[in-house]
Amino acid sequence: MAGKTLVVDHLKFSYEGLFNLSELYTVISSFFFERGWDWYEKNNTEQITPEGKQIRLVLEPWKSASDFYKIAVKIVIHFTDIKDVEVEHDGQTLKLNQGLVRMTFDGFVLHDRPGNWSLDNPVNFFINVLAQKYFYRQHFLKFETWVKNDIDELHNQIKNYLNVFKYSYHA
């Protein structure tokens, strides 16, 4: 059984205003594809209410960092009261969305990816702890930094993308 270490714990972000939902999704997915991460969309639900669309996305991209380690990110996105609006900008009519976006980011480093050092056996558990603490510590720290930096960079890209709309498209 692989072990899981939480590196980034519930980094939160919220935004209310105008945005393009499909472009926001593209910003997130292209970020991971450009860096060679594997994409996994765990949940994508949409509910239409009189106030607007309620959308919930759970994204879990991951990457094999080595034979022993795997890094993963979990992004939970809630779109609340999403309405389609048309905005005039430079003589063009743009179809955008308006509503509330809430995101939560979690980052993980998973060790013993293939499950060779099963924690069921006390001897294997002891060897695994020694290896983690003394032999693979530098590798773990490198992958921990990798996850933190990627989440921070994605967080900044999303903030920059949404701020463009915030300041450019007020009607």
C-alpha atoms as a PDB file:
ATOM      1  CA  MET A   1       0.000   0.000   0.000  1.00  0.00           C
ATOM      2  CA  ALA A   2       1.399   3.358  -0.992  1.00  0.00           C
ATOM      3  CA  GLY A   3       1.834   6.142   1.524  1.00  0.00           C
ATOM      4  CA  LYS A   4       0.486   9.630   0.963  1.00  0.00           C
ATOM      5  CA  THR A   5       1.955  12.841   2.349  1.00  0.00           C
ATOM      6  CA  LEU A   6      -0.055  16.063   2.233  1.00  0.00           C
ATOM      7  CA  VAL A   7       2.146  18.931   1.044  1.00  0.00           C
ATOM      8  CA  VAL A   8      -0.346  21.714   0.271  1.00  0.00           C
ATOM      9  CA  ASP A   9      -3.416  21.709   2.490  1.00  0.00           C
ATOM     10  CA  HIS A  10      -6.555  23.461   1.215  1.00  0.00           C
ATOM     11  CA  LEU A  11      -5.121  26.481  -0.574  1.00  0.00           C
ATOM     12  CA  LYS A  12      -8.317  28.415  -1.261  1.00  0.00           C
ATOM     13  CA  PHE A  13      -9.275  30.887  -3.935  1.00  0.00           C
ATOM     14  CA  SER A  14     -12.574  32.594  -4.720  1.00  0.00           C
ATOM     15  CA  TYR A  15     -13.695  35.020  -7.381  1.00  0.00           C
ATOM     16  CA  GLU A  16     -16.993  36.653  -8.215  1.00  0.00           C
ATOM     17  CA  GLY A  17     -17.604  38.406 -11.485  1.00  0.00           C
ATOM     18  CA  LEU A  18     -17.260  37.909 -15.228  1.00  0.00           C
ATOM     19  CA  PHE A  19     -15.205  35.092 -16.723  1.00  0.00           C
ATOM     20  CA  ASN A  20     -15.267  32.552 -19.526  1.00  0.00           C
ATOM     21  CA  LEU A  21     -15.857  29.140 -17.988  1.00  0.00           C
ATOM     22  CA  SER A  22     -14.489  27.120 -20.909  1.00  0.00           C
ATOM     23  CA  GLU A  23     -11.340  29.273 -21.104  1.00  0.00           C
ATOM     24  CA  LEU A  24     -10.792  28.927 -17.343  1.00  0.00           C
ATOM     25  CA  TYR A  25     -11.005  25.144 -17.700  1.00  0.00           C
ATOM     26  CA  THR A  26      -8.537  25.354 -20.601  1.00  0.00           C
ATOM     27  CA  VAL A  27      -6.102  27.435 -18.517  1.00  0.00           C
ATOM     28  CA  ILE A  28      -6.087  24.737 -15.832  1.00  0.00           C
ATOM     29  CA  SER A  29      -5.884  21.728 -18.138  1.00  0.00           C
ATOM     30  CA  SER A  30      -3.233  23.234 -20.432  1.00  0.00           C
ATOM     31  CA  PHE A  31      -1.098  24.085 -17.377  1.00  0.00           C
ATOM     32  CA  PHE A  32      -0.842  20.392 -16.517  1.00  0.00           C
ATOM     33  CA  PHE A  33      -0.530  19.151 -20.102  1.00  0.00           C
ATOM     34  CA  GLU A  34       2.374  21.534 -20.764  1.00  0.00           C
ATOM     35  CA  ARG A  35       4.224  20.109 -17.771  1.00  0.00           C
ATOM     36  CA  GLY A  36       3.629  16.461 -18.679  1.00  0.00           C
ATOM     37  CA  TRP A  37       1.103  15.632 -15.951  1.00  0.00           C
ATOM     38  CA  ASP A  38      -1.521  12.945 -16.528  1.00  0.00           C
ATOM     39  CA  TRP A  39      -5.072  14.257 -16.404  1.00  0.00           C
ATOM     40  CA  TYR A  40      -7.853  12.726 -14.337  1.00  0.00           C
ATOM     41  CA  GLU A  41     -11.243  14.368 -13.972  1.00  0.00           C
ATOM     42  CA  LYS A  42     -12.847  12.566 -11.054  1.00  0.00           C
ATOM     43  CA  ASN A  43     -16.152  14.408 -10.950  1.00  0.00           C
ATOM     44  CA  ASN A  44     -18.013  16.827 -13.209  1.00  0.00           C
ATOM     45  CA  THR A  45     -21.583  17.583 -12.193  1.00  0.00           C
ATOM     46  CA  GLU A  46     -23.926  20.347 -13.256  1.00  0.00           C
ATOM     47  CA  GLN A  47     -27.274  21.328 -11.823  1.00  0.00           C
ATOM     48  CA  ILE A  48     -29.515  23.991 -13.327  1.00  0.00           C
ATOM     49  CA  THR A  49     -31.515  26.065 -10.850  1.00  0.00           C
ATOM     50  CA  PRO A  50     -33.561  29.268 -11.218  1.00  0.00           C
ATOM     51  CA  GLU A  51     -30.555  31.257  -9.860  1.00  0.00           C
ATOM     52  CA  GLY A  52     -28.230  29.779 -12.501  1.00  0.00           C
ATOM     53  CA  LYS A  53     -25.983  26.768 -13.044  1.00  0.00           C
ATOM     54  CA  GLN A  54     -24.297  25.049 -10.123  1.00  0.00           C
ATOM     55  CA  ILE A  55     -21.203  23.194 -11.342  1.00  0.00           C
ATOM     56  CA  ARG A  56     -18.805  21.059  -9.296  1.00  0.00           C
ATOM     57  CA  LEU A  57     -15.503  19.789 -10.703  1.00  0.00           C
ATOM     58  CA  VAL A  58     -13.001  17.553  -8.972  1.00  0.00           C
ATOM     59  CA  LEU A  59      -9.719  17.338 -10.882  1.00  0.00           C
ATOM     60  CA  GLU A  60      -6.894  15.019  -9.814  1.00  0.00           C
ATOM     61  CA  PRO A  61      -3.894  15.357 -12.138  1.00  0.00           C
ATOM     62  CA  TRP A  62      -0.834  13.281 -11.237  1.00  0.00           C
ATOM     63  CA  LYS A  63       2.688  12.625 -12.415  1.00  0.00           C
ATOM     64  CA  SER A  64       5.117   9.759 -11.890  1.00  0.00           C
ATOM     65  CA  ALA A  65       8.130  11.520 -10.450  1.00  0.00           C
ATOM     66  CA  SER A  66      10.284   8.405 -10.073  1.00  0.00           C
ATOM     67  CA  ASP A  67       9.927   4.658  -9.669  1.00  0.00           C
ATOM     68  CA  PHE A  68       9.160   5.157  -5.984  1.00  0.00           C
ATOM     69  CA  TYR A  69       7.366   8.527  -5.915  1.00  0.00           C
ATOM     70  CA  LYS A  70       4.281   9.971  -7.555  1.00  0.00           C
ATOM     71  CA  ILE A  71       3.062  13.556  -7.157  1.00  0.00           C
ATOM     72  CA  ALA A  72      -0.600  14.475  -7.315  1.00  0.00           C
ATOM     73  CA  VAL A  73      -2.828  17.528  -7.064  1.00  0.00           C
ATOM     74  CA  LYS A  74      -6.500  17.645  -6.159  1.00  0.00           C
ATOM     75  CA  ILE A  75      -8.487  20.667  -7.302  1.00  0.00           C
ATOM     76  CA  VAL A  76     -12.099  21.073  -6.230  1.00  0.00           C
ATOM     77  CA  ILE A  77     -13.949  23.814  -8.120  1.00  0.00           C
ATOM     78  CA  HIS A  78     -17.446  25.055  -7.292  1.00  0.00           C
ATOM     79  CA  PHE A  79     -19.152  27.370  -9.761  1.00  0.00           C
ATOM     80  CA  THR A  80     -22.210  28.929  -8.123  1.00  0.00           C
ATOM     81  CA  ASP A  81     -25.085  30.826  -9.778  1.00  0.00           C
ATOM     82  CA  ILE A  82     -23.445  30.857 -13.212  1.00  0.00           C
ATOM     83  CA  LYS A  83     -25.376  32.870 -15.777  1.00  0.00           C
ATOM     84  CA  ASP A  84     -24.582  33.466 -19.442  1.00  0.00           C
ATOM     85  CA  VAL A  85     -24.176  37.158 -20.239  1.00  0.00           C
ATOM     86  CA  GLU A  86     -23.261  39.147 -23.331  1.00  0.00           C
ATOM     87  CA  VAL A  87     -20.833  42.036 -22.948  1.00  0.00           C
ATOM     88  CA  GLU A  88     -19.882  44.710 -25.470  1.00  0.00           C
ATOM     89  CA  HIS A  89     -16.120  45.224 -25.718  1.00  0.00           C
ATOM     90  CA  ASP A  90     -14.421  47.230 -28.484  1.00  0.00           C
ATOM     91  CA  GLY A  91     -17.497  46.948 -30.689  1.00  0.00           C
ATOM     92  CA  GLN A  92     -17.696  43.167 -30.316  1.00  0.00           C
ATOM     93  CA  THR A  93     -20.251  41.158 -28.396  1.00  0.00           C
ATOM     94  CA  LEU A  94     -18.580  38.632 -26.105  1.00  0.00           C
ATOM     95  CA  LYS A  95     -20.435  35.696 -24.568  1.00  0.00           C
ATOM     96  CA  LEU A  96     -19.172  35.318 -21.001  1.00  0.00           C
ATOM     97  CA  ASN A  97     -20.298  33.797 -17.727  1.00  0.00           C
ATOM     98  CA  GLN A  98     -21.023  35.574 -14.495  1.00  0.00           C
ATOM     99  CA  GLY A  99     -21.076  34.042 -11.050  1.00  0.00           C
ATOM    100  CA  LEU A 100     -19.049  32.846  -8.098  1.00  0.00           C
ATOM    101  CA  VAL A 101     -15.998  30.573  -8.414  1.00  0.00           C
ATOM    102  CA  ARG A 102     -14.497  28.797  -5.410  1.00  0.00           C
ATOM    103  CA  MET A 103     -11.405  26.607  -5.721  1.00  0.00           C
ATOM    104  CA  THR A 104      -9.499  24.468  -3.269  1.00  0.00           C
ATOM    105  CA  PHE A 105      -6.037  23.077  -4.044  1.00  0.00           C
ATOM    106  CA  ASP A 106      -4.386  20.118  -2.308  1.00  0.00           C
ATOM    107  CA  GLY A 107      -0.947  18.709  -3.171  1.00  0.00           C
ATOM    108  CA  PHE A 108       0.385  15.251  -2.363  1.00  0.00           C
ATOM    109  CA  VAL A 109       3.552  13.199  -2.628  1.00  0.00           C
ATOM    110  CA  LEU A 110       2.829   9.471  -2.785  1.00  0.00           C
ATOM    111  CA  HIS A 111       5.603   7.015  -1.968  1.00  0.00           C
ATOM    112  CA  ASP A 112       6.010   3.302  -2.649  1.00  0.00           C
ATOM    113  CA  ARG A 113       4.088   3.674  -5.879  1.00  0.00           C
ATOM    114  CA  PRO A 114       4.344   0.043  -6.972  1.00  0.00           C
ATOM    115  CA  GLY A 115       3.483  -1.229  -3.472  1.00  0.00           C
ATOM    116  CA  ASN A 116       6.635  -3.325  -3.065  1.00  0.00           C
ATOM    117  CA  TRP A 117       7.136  -2.269   0.550  1.00  0.00           C
ATOM    118  CA  SER A 118       3.740  -3.231   1.879  1.00  0.00           C
ATOM    119  CA  LEU A 119       3.054  -1.903   5.345  1.00  0.00           C
ATOM    120  CA  ASP A 120       1.292  -5.134   6.384  1.00  0.00           C
ATOM    121  CA  ASN A 121       4.550  -6.793   7.399  1.00  0.00           C
ATOM    122  CA  PRO A 122       6.356  -5.179  10.402  1.00  0.00           C
ATOM    123  CA  VAL A 123       9.800  -5.778   8.884  1.00  0.00           C
ATOM    124  CA  ASN A 124       8.794  -4.103   5.617  1.00  0.00           C
ATOM    125  CA  PHE A 125       7.256  -1.241   7.578  1.00  0.00           C
ATOM    126  CA  PHE A 126      10.503  -0.712   9.496  1.00  0.00           C
ATOM    127  CA  ILE A 127      12.658  -0.824   6.345  1.00  0.00           C
ATOM    128  CA  ASN A 128      10.248   1.548   4.592  1.00  0.00           C
ATOM    129  CA  VAL A 129      10.446   4.071   7.449  1.00  0.00           C
ATOM    130  CA  LEU A 130      14.262   3.908   7.470  1.00  0.00           C
ATOM    131  CA  ALA A 131      14.427   4.347   3.712  1.00  0.00           C
ATOM    132  CA  GLN A 132      12.017   7.292   3.807  1.00  0.00           C
ATOM    133  CA  LYS A 133      13.769   9.018   6.673  1.00  0.00           C
ATOM    134  CA  TYR A 134      17.406   8.544   5.677  1.00  0.00           C
ATOM    135  CA  PHE A 135      17.930   7.349   2.123  1.00  0.00           C
ATOM    136  CA  TYR A 136      15.140   8.988   0.133  1.00  0.00           C
ATOM    137  CA  ARG A 137      14.753  12.178   2.154  1.00  0.00           C
ATOM    138  CA  GLN A 138      16.389  14.438  -0.462  1.00  0.00           C
ATOM    139  CA  HIS A 139      14.209  12.970  -3.217  1.00  0.00           C
ATOM    140  CA  PHE A 140      11.096  13.529  -1.125  1.00  0.00           C
ATOM    141  CA  LEU A 141      12.050  17.157  -0.437  1.00  0.00           C
ATOM    142  CA  LYS A 142      12.641  17.732  -4.155  1.00  0.00           C
ATOM    143  CA  PHE A 143       9.198  16.357  -5.060  1.00  0.00           C
ATOM    144  CA  GLU A 144       7.590  18.269  -2.209  1.00  0.00           C
ATOM    145  CA  THR A 145       9.056  21.514  -3.588  1.00  0.00           C
ATOM    146  CA  TRP A 146       7.951  20.540  -7.084  1.00  0.00           C
ATOM    147  CA  VAL A 147       4.310  20.150  -5.989  1.00  0.00           C
ATOM    148  CA  LYS A 148       4.352  23.409  -3.997  1.00  0.00           C
ATOM    149  CA  ASN A 149       5.825  25.378  -6.910  1.00  0.00           C
ATOM    150  CA  ASP A 150       3.404  23.956  -9.471  1.00  0.00           C
ATOM    151  CA  ILE A 151       0.381  24.715  -7.283  1.00  0.00           C
ATOM    152  CA  ASP A 152       1.624  28.253  -6.591  1.00  0.00           C
ATOM    153  CA  GLU A 153       2.234  28.850 -10.288  1.00  0.00           C
ATOM    154  CA  LEU A 154      -1.205  27.503 -11.261  1.00  0.00           C
ATOM    155  CA  HIS A 155      -2.825  29.585  -8.527  1.00  0.00           C
ATOM    156  CA  ASN A 156      -1.110  32.717  -9.871  1.00  0.00           C
ATOM    157  CA  GLN A 157      -2.064  31.917 -13.474  1.00  0.00           C
ATOM    158  CA  ILE A 158      -5.719  31.546 -12.501  1.00  0.00           C
ATOM    159  CA  LYS A 159      -5.648  34.786 -10.500  1.00  0.00           C
ATOM    160  CA  ASN A 160      -4.020  36.624 -13.410  1.00  0.00           C
ATOM    161  CA  TYR A 161      -6.509  35.198 -15.898  1.00  0.00           C
ATOM    162  CA  LEU A 162      -9.536  36.179 -13.808  1.00  0.00           C
ATOM    163  CA  ASN A 163      -8.186  39.644 -13.004  1.00  0.00           C
ATOM    164  CA  VAL A 164      -7.960  40.391 -16.750  1.00  0.00           C
ATOM    165  CA  PHE A 165     -11.709  40.043 -16.997  1.00  0.00           C
ATOM    166  CA  LYS A 166     -12.295  41.876 -13.748  1.00  0.00           C
ATOM    167  CA  TYR A 167     -10.628  45.034 -14.990  1.00  0.00           C
ATOM    168  CA  SER A 168     -11.370  44.853 -18.726  1.00  0.00           C
ATOM    169  CA  TYR A 169     -15.005  43.900 -19.072  1.00  0.00           C
ATOM    170  CA  HIS A 170     -17.026  45.949 -16.636  1.00  0.00           C
ATOM    171  CA  ALA A 171     -20.221  46.977 -18.409  1.00  0.00           C
END
